[in-house]
N, C-alpha and C. Protein backbone atom coordinates (compact mmCIF):
# COMPACT_ATOMS: atom_id res chain seq x y z
N MET A 1 -13.07 30.05 17.89
CA MET A 1 -13.72 28.23 17.96
C MET A 1 -13.56 28.08 16.70
N GLY A 2 -13.51 28.59 15.85
CA GLY A 2 -13.82 27.98 14.38
C GLY A 2 -12.61 27.58 13.64
N ASP A 3 -11.43 28.38 14.48
CA ASP A 3 -9.95 27.77 13.85
C ASP A 3 -9.16 26.69 14.89
N LEU A 4 -9.92 26.94 15.62
CA LEU A 4 -10.14 25.49 16.33
C LEU A 4 -10.26 24.30 16.08
N LEU A 5 -11.62 24.20 15.46
CA LEU A 5 -12.07 23.21 14.69
C LEU A 5 -11.73 22.74 13.68
N ASP A 6 -11.23 23.76 12.85
CA ASP A 6 -10.42 23.32 11.57
C ASP A 6 -9.03 22.78 11.76
N ASP A 7 -8.47 22.95 12.82
CA ASP A 7 -7.31 22.74 12.96
C ASP A 7 -7.42 21.15 13.94
N VAL A 8 -8.04 21.25 14.87
CA VAL A 8 -8.41 19.87 14.98
C VAL A 8 -8.82 18.25 14.01
N LEU A 9 -9.52 19.20 13.00
CA LEU A 9 -10.39 18.33 11.73
C LEU A 9 -8.89 17.83 10.65
N ARG A 10 -8.05 18.97 10.75
CA ARG A 10 -6.91 18.91 9.86
C ARG A 10 -6.29 17.54 10.45
N VAL A 11 -5.88 17.57 11.75
CA VAL A 11 -4.82 16.72 12.52
C VAL A 11 -5.55 15.30 12.46
N LEU A 12 -7.06 15.20 12.79
CA LEU A 12 -7.60 13.83 13.48
C LEU A 12 -7.37 12.77 12.24
N PRO A 13 -7.53 12.93 11.12
CA PRO A 13 -7.36 11.82 10.26
C PRO A 13 -6.21 11.06 10.69
N TYR A 14 -5.12 11.85 10.31
CA TYR A 14 -3.72 11.21 10.77
C TYR A 14 -3.65 10.79 12.23
N ALA A 15 -4.18 11.37 13.03
CA ALA A 15 -4.46 10.80 14.04
C ALA A 15 -5.04 9.47 14.52
N VAL A 16 -6.21 9.14 13.79
CA VAL A 16 -6.90 8.06 13.24
C VAL A 16 -6.01 6.93 12.68
N ALA A 17 -5.48 7.33 11.60
CA ALA A 17 -4.67 6.25 10.74
C ALA A 17 -3.65 5.41 11.69
N ALA A 18 -2.88 6.43 12.78
CA ALA A 18 -1.64 6.36 13.51
C ALA A 18 -2.36 5.45 14.72
N TRP A 19 -3.76 5.56 14.94
CA TRP A 19 -4.02 4.90 16.12
C TRP A 19 -4.31 3.71 15.79
N ILE A 20 -4.94 3.21 14.17
CA ILE A 20 -5.41 2.06 13.71
C ILE A 20 -3.92 1.47 13.34
N LEU A 21 -2.75 1.72 13.09
CA LEU A 21 -1.70 1.09 13.04
C LEU A 21 -1.04 0.70 14.29
N LEU A 22 -1.29 2.22 15.66
CA LEU A 22 -0.70 1.25 16.71
C LEU A 22 -1.84 -0.13 16.88
N VAL A 23 -2.80 0.29 16.75
CA VAL A 23 -3.88 -1.26 17.53
C VAL A 23 -3.39 -2.30 16.51
N GLY A 24 -3.51 -2.26 15.40
CA GLY A 24 -2.71 -3.64 14.54
C GLY A 24 -1.84 -4.32 14.78
N CYS A 25 -0.55 -3.10 14.91
CA CYS A 25 1.04 -3.55 15.69
C CYS A 25 0.71 -4.24 16.77
N PHE A 26 0.10 -3.57 17.82
CA PHE A 26 -0.18 -4.39 19.18
C PHE A 26 -1.00 -5.82 19.13
N GLY A 27 -2.03 -5.88 17.95
CA GLY A 27 -2.38 -7.35 18.00
C GLY A 27 -1.64 -7.94 17.46
N ILE A 28 -1.22 -7.77 16.63
CA ILE A 28 0.53 -8.82 15.83
C ILE A 28 1.29 -9.04 17.34
N ALA A 29 1.62 -8.46 18.29
CA ALA A 29 2.29 -8.79 19.11
C ALA A 29 1.97 -9.45 20.44
N ILE A 30 0.51 -9.24 20.35
CA ILE A 30 0.07 -10.28 21.42
C ILE A 30 -0.68 -11.80 20.84
N SER A 31 -0.64 -11.55 19.53
CA SER A 31 -1.67 -12.50 18.93
C SER A 31 -0.80 -14.56 18.95
N ARG A 32 -2.10 -15.06 19.49
CA ARG A 32 -1.61 -16.49 19.61
C ARG A 32 -2.26 -17.15 18.55
N SER A 33 -2.61 -16.77 17.46
CA SER A 33 -2.90 -17.43 16.10
C SER A 33 -2.55 -16.79 15.18
N PHE A 34 -2.38 -17.75 13.97
CA PHE A 34 -1.99 -16.72 12.72
C PHE A 34 -2.94 -16.24 11.87
N ILE A 35 -4.16 -16.70 12.09
CA ILE A 35 -5.23 -16.12 11.82
C ILE A 35 -5.38 -14.52 12.06
N HIS A 36 -5.10 -14.42 13.39
CA HIS A 36 -5.26 -13.26 13.74
C HIS A 36 -4.07 -12.52 13.30
N VAL A 37 -2.98 -12.86 13.19
CA VAL A 37 -1.58 -11.95 12.73
C VAL A 37 -2.14 -11.51 11.20
N VAL A 38 -2.67 -12.38 10.81
CA VAL A 38 -3.28 -11.97 9.15
C VAL A 38 -4.28 -10.72 9.17
N GLY A 39 -5.39 -10.88 10.35
CA GLY A 39 -6.16 -10.07 10.38
C GLY A 39 -5.71 -8.39 11.00
N CYS A 40 -4.87 -8.68 12.12
CA CYS A 40 -4.02 -7.33 12.36
C CYS A 40 -3.13 -6.72 11.03
N LEU A 41 -2.77 -7.50 10.50
CA LEU A 41 -1.90 -7.45 9.53
C LEU A 41 -2.64 -6.27 8.45
N SER A 42 -4.24 -6.77 8.01
CA SER A 42 -5.00 -6.25 7.30
C SER A 42 -5.52 -4.93 8.02
N LEU A 43 -5.83 -4.71 9.31
CA LEU A 43 -5.83 -3.73 9.96
C LEU A 43 -4.53 -2.56 10.15
N VAL A 44 -3.53 -2.98 9.78
CA VAL A 44 -2.24 -2.19 9.79
C VAL A 44 -2.39 -1.35 8.34
N GLN A 45 -2.40 -2.41 7.52
CA GLN A 45 -2.83 -1.80 6.10
C GLN A 45 -4.23 -1.04 5.82
N SER A 46 -5.07 -1.18 6.73
CA SER A 46 -6.26 -0.19 6.12
C SER A 46 -5.98 1.43 6.69
N SER A 47 -4.87 1.01 7.82
CA SER A 47 -4.24 2.54 8.22
C SER A 47 -3.75 3.06 6.60
N THR A 48 -2.99 2.71 6.00
CA THR A 48 -2.63 3.28 4.89
C THR A 48 -3.63 3.90 4.21
N TYR A 49 -4.37 3.23 4.01
CA TYR A 49 -5.44 3.55 3.24
C TYR A 49 -5.97 5.02 3.14
N LEU A 50 -6.42 5.19 4.70
CA LEU A 50 -6.78 6.45 5.38
C LEU A 50 -5.59 7.13 5.10
N LEU A 51 -4.37 6.91 5.37
CA LEU A 51 -3.18 7.78 5.18
C LEU A 51 -3.05 8.55 3.86
N LEU A 52 -3.23 7.48 2.70
CA LEU A 52 -2.93 7.64 1.50
C LEU A 52 -4.04 8.92 1.29
N LEU A 53 -5.33 8.85 1.48
CA LEU A 53 -6.53 9.33 1.25
C LEU A 53 -6.36 10.77 1.76
N MET A 54 -6.05 10.70 2.93
CA MET A 54 -5.79 12.44 3.39
C MET A 54 -4.89 12.93 2.89
N VAL A 55 -3.65 12.18 1.99
CA VAL A 55 -2.66 13.35 1.55
C VAL A 55 -2.96 13.86 0.43
N GLY A 56 -4.31 13.11 -0.27
CA GLY A 56 -4.55 13.73 -1.43
C GLY A 56 -5.93 14.51 -1.56
N TRP A 57 -6.58 14.66 -0.19
CA TRP A 57 -7.74 15.27 -0.10
C TRP A 57 -7.42 16.93 -0.31
N ARG A 58 -8.14 17.70 -0.45
CA ARG A 58 -8.37 18.75 -0.73
C ARG A 58 -9.52 19.32 -0.36
N HIS A 59 -9.64 20.61 0.46
CA HIS A 59 -11.04 21.49 0.68
C HIS A 59 -11.32 21.58 -0.59
N ASP A 60 -12.96 21.73 -0.47
CA ASP A 60 -13.66 22.06 -1.42
C ASP A 60 -13.05 22.05 -2.77
N ALA A 61 -12.66 20.72 -3.52
CA ALA A 61 -12.10 19.92 -4.64
C ALA A 61 -13.48 19.05 -4.66
N THR A 62 -13.19 18.61 -5.93
CA THR A 62 -14.16 17.89 -6.54
C THR A 62 -13.59 16.74 -7.26
N ALA A 63 -14.01 15.60 -8.06
CA ALA A 63 -13.49 14.31 -8.60
C ALA A 63 -12.55 14.94 -9.50
N PRO A 64 -11.80 14.54 -10.25
CA PRO A 64 -11.23 14.60 -11.50
C PRO A 64 -11.49 14.39 -12.62
N VAL A 65 -12.54 14.56 -12.69
CA VAL A 65 -13.50 14.20 -14.05
C VAL A 65 -13.76 15.90 -14.54
N PHE A 66 -13.26 16.06 -15.83
CA PHE A 66 -13.61 17.05 -16.34
C PHE A 66 -14.76 17.35 -17.17
N ALA A 67 -15.38 16.31 -17.63
CA ALA A 67 -16.52 16.51 -17.94
C ALA A 67 -17.53 17.51 -18.40
N ASP A 68 -17.73 17.86 -17.03
CA ASP A 68 -19.02 19.01 -16.59
C ASP A 68 -18.17 20.07 -15.40
N VAL A 69 -17.34 19.99 -15.69
CA VAL A 69 -16.37 20.87 -14.63
C VAL A 69 -15.40 22.00 -15.41
N SER A 70 -14.93 22.80 -15.27
CA SER A 70 -14.28 23.68 -15.75
C SER A 70 -12.57 23.17 -15.84
N THR A 71 -11.59 23.56 -16.68
CA THR A 71 -10.32 23.00 -16.40
C THR A 71 -9.83 23.74 -15.02
N HIS A 72 -10.19 24.57 -14.58
CA HIS A 72 -9.39 25.57 -13.77
C HIS A 72 -10.40 25.33 -12.02
N ALA A 73 -10.91 24.03 -12.39
CA ALA A 73 -11.48 24.31 -10.99
C ALA A 73 -10.47 23.44 -10.10
N ARG A 74 -10.91 23.12 -8.96
CA ARG A 74 -9.97 22.66 -7.58
C ARG A 74 -10.34 21.18 -8.04
N VAL A 75 -9.24 19.77 -8.17
CA VAL A 75 -9.67 18.87 -7.74
C VAL A 75 -8.90 17.76 -7.10
N VAL A 76 -9.10 16.59 -6.77
CA VAL A 76 -8.57 15.97 -5.58
C VAL A 76 -7.28 15.25 -6.78
N ASP A 77 -6.26 14.80 -5.85
CA ASP A 77 -4.77 14.61 -6.69
C ASP A 77 -5.59 12.94 -7.23
N PRO A 78 -5.68 12.74 -8.54
CA PRO A 78 -6.04 11.18 -8.91
C PRO A 78 -4.90 10.41 -8.83
N VAL A 79 -3.59 10.46 -8.79
CA VAL A 79 -2.76 9.60 -8.36
C VAL A 79 -2.31 8.85 -7.23
N VAL A 80 -3.33 9.59 -6.16
CA VAL A 80 -2.95 9.29 -4.62
C VAL A 80 -4.38 8.50 -4.66
N GLN A 81 -5.58 8.57 -5.58
CA GLN A 81 -6.53 7.94 -5.02
C GLN A 81 -6.14 6.09 -6.35
N ALA A 82 -5.30 6.63 -7.30
CA ALA A 82 -4.87 5.07 -8.17
C ALA A 82 -3.82 4.66 -7.19
N LEU A 83 -3.01 5.03 -6.03
CA LEU A 83 -2.26 4.64 -5.10
C LEU A 83 -2.82 3.61 -4.09
N THR A 84 -3.96 4.31 -3.82
CA THR A 84 -5.09 3.77 -2.87
C THR A 84 -6.00 2.43 -3.32
N LEU A 85 -6.30 2.50 -4.16
CA LEU A 85 -6.91 1.23 -5.05
C LEU A 85 -6.00 -0.06 -5.32
N THR A 86 -4.66 1.00 -5.56
CA THR A 86 -3.77 -0.37 -5.82
C THR A 86 -3.17 -0.87 -4.89
N ASP A 87 -3.34 -0.31 -3.52
CA ASP A 87 -3.21 -0.48 -1.95
C ASP A 87 -3.86 -1.69 -1.49
N ILE A 88 -5.21 -1.61 -1.74
CA ILE A 88 -6.58 -2.41 -1.22
C ILE A 88 -6.28 -3.84 -2.08
N VAL A 89 -5.96 -3.56 -3.58
CA VAL A 89 -5.72 -4.78 -4.50
C VAL A 89 -4.77 -5.94 -3.67
N VAL A 90 -3.66 -5.01 -3.51
CA VAL A 90 -2.63 -5.83 -3.14
C VAL A 90 -3.09 -6.53 -1.47
N GLY A 91 -3.36 -5.92 -0.75
CA GLY A 91 -3.67 -6.03 0.40
C GLY A 91 -4.57 -7.07 0.84
N GLY A 92 -5.42 -7.05 -0.51
CA GLY A 92 -6.22 -8.63 -0.56
C GLY A 92 -5.34 -9.59 -1.14
N ALA A 93 -4.71 -9.57 -2.06
CA ALA A 93 -3.81 -10.54 -2.31
C ALA A 93 -3.33 -11.24 -1.35
N VAL A 94 -2.55 -10.22 -0.93
CA VAL A 94 -1.60 -10.60 0.31
C VAL A 94 -2.20 -11.45 1.74
N THR A 95 -3.58 -10.78 1.89
CA THR A 95 -4.37 -11.65 3.06
C THR A 95 -4.75 -12.86 2.38
N ALA A 96 -4.99 -12.92 1.02
CA ALA A 96 -5.38 -14.37 0.86
C ALA A 96 -4.11 -15.01 0.85
N LEU A 97 -2.81 -15.19 0.21
CA LEU A 97 -1.95 -15.74 0.11
C LEU A 97 -1.72 -16.04 1.76
N LEU A 98 -1.44 -15.06 2.78
CA LEU A 98 -1.18 -15.42 3.96
C LEU A 98 -2.16 -16.35 4.42
N LEU A 99 -3.72 -16.48 4.16
CA LEU A 99 -4.10 -17.21 4.78
C LEU A 99 -4.29 -18.29 3.89
N ALA A 100 -3.86 -18.67 3.11
CA ALA A 100 -3.77 -20.27 2.16
C ALA A 100 -2.20 -20.58 2.96
N LEU A 101 -1.48 -20.10 3.17
CA LEU A 101 -0.08 -20.45 3.54
C LEU A 101 -0.33 -21.02 5.66
N THR A 102 -1.48 -20.15 5.95
CA THR A 102 -1.79 -20.88 7.46
C THR A 102 -2.07 -21.59 7.13
N ILE A 103 -3.35 -22.15 6.21
CA ILE A 103 -4.15 -23.33 6.16
C ILE A 103 -3.05 -24.67 5.57
N GLN A 104 -1.92 -24.23 5.14
CA GLN A 104 -1.09 -25.45 4.80
C GLN A 104 -0.21 -25.73 6.09
N LEU A 105 0.18 -24.42 6.71
CA LEU A 105 0.95 -24.85 8.21
C LEU A 105 -0.34 -25.42 8.81
N ALA A 106 -1.62 -25.22 9.43
CA ALA A 106 -2.18 -26.10 10.29
C ALA A 106 -2.23 -27.71 9.37
N LYS A 107 -2.32 -28.02 8.38
CA LYS A 107 -2.41 -29.05 8.18
C LYS A 107 -1.15 -29.76 8.13
N ARG A 108 0.13 -29.13 7.96
CA ARG A 108 1.35 -29.96 8.03
C ARG A 108 1.82 -29.66 9.87
N GLN A 109 1.64 -28.85 10.57
CA GLN A 109 2.13 -28.79 12.06
C GLN A 109 1.04 -29.29 12.76
N GLY A 110 -0.37 -29.01 12.55
CA GLY A 110 -1.50 -29.39 13.59
C GLY A 110 -1.66 -28.41 14.03
N SER A 111 -1.23 -27.18 13.68
CA SER A 111 -1.94 -26.00 14.97
C SER A 111 -1.40 -24.76 13.91
N ILE A 112 -1.63 -23.28 14.61
CA ILE A 112 -1.73 -22.37 14.11
C ILE A 112 -1.12 -21.17 14.87
N ASP A 113 -0.86 -21.66 16.26
CA ASP A 113 -0.24 -20.93 17.41
C ASP A 113 1.07 -21.11 17.27
N PRO A 114 1.50 -20.18 16.77
CA PRO A 114 3.36 -19.41 16.57
C PRO A 114 4.13 -20.29 17.52
N GLU A 115 3.50 -20.16 19.32
CA GLU A 115 4.55 -20.80 19.83
C GLU A 115 4.86 -22.45 19.69
N ARG A 116 3.63 -23.23 19.32
CA ARG A 116 3.56 -24.53 19.39
C ARG A 116 3.95 -24.96 17.85
N ILE A 117 4.49 -24.55 17.16
CA ILE A 117 5.00 -24.60 15.47
C ILE A 117 6.57 -25.07 15.61
N ARG A 118 6.66 -26.42 15.03
CA ARG A 118 7.95 -26.66 15.02
C ARG A 118 8.82 -26.26 13.89
N SER A 119 10.28 -25.98 14.34
CA SER A 119 11.00 -25.29 13.43
C SER A 119 11.66 -26.16 12.02
N LEU A 120 11.86 -25.89 11.43
CA LEU A 120 12.59 -26.69 10.30
C LEU A 120 13.53 -27.57 10.36
N GLU A 121 14.20 -27.09 11.67
CA GLU A 121 15.69 -27.71 12.07
C GLU A 121 15.08 -28.78 12.51
N GLU A 122 14.10 -29.08 13.49
CA GLU A 122 13.37 -29.97 14.18
C GLU A 122 13.09 -30.78 13.44
N ASP A 123 12.58 -30.61 12.22
CA ASP A 123 12.06 -31.44 11.29
C ASP A 123 13.10 -31.97 10.35
N LEU A 124 14.19 -31.50 10.21
CA LEU A 124 15.40 -31.82 9.39
C LEU A 124 16.01 -32.98 10.58
N GLU A 125 16.14 -32.67 12.14
CA GLU A 125 16.68 -33.48 12.68
C GLU A 125 16.21 -35.12 13.21
N GLU A 126 14.78 -34.98 12.86
CA GLU A 126 14.05 -36.49 12.84
C GLU A 126 14.29 -37.37 11.77
């Protein structure tokens, strides 16, 4: 029973990351608002946080701070933690930029529904 539980717990975070990714992609596909698209993109990006953290995770490991731990102790990978923090910062910047573009789109086109937005070709013809 213990081996089965260990196997499930080893695979579960990857399955949850895949599920979050699929839910975000589904939300993007059925979206009727650019704000909803931005939210779903943030959800897709959050699946990458979980995936990155699980790649760097080790059982019975400690934080990579060697001030009070011997140099031979098992530690988690600090590079993956740094990549995750970078991913979070980039995700916040991308979300802010996309929301600012959505505001400008709403001001110029009068809608944030992707199906009601006029193309640039239609604007040039007028």
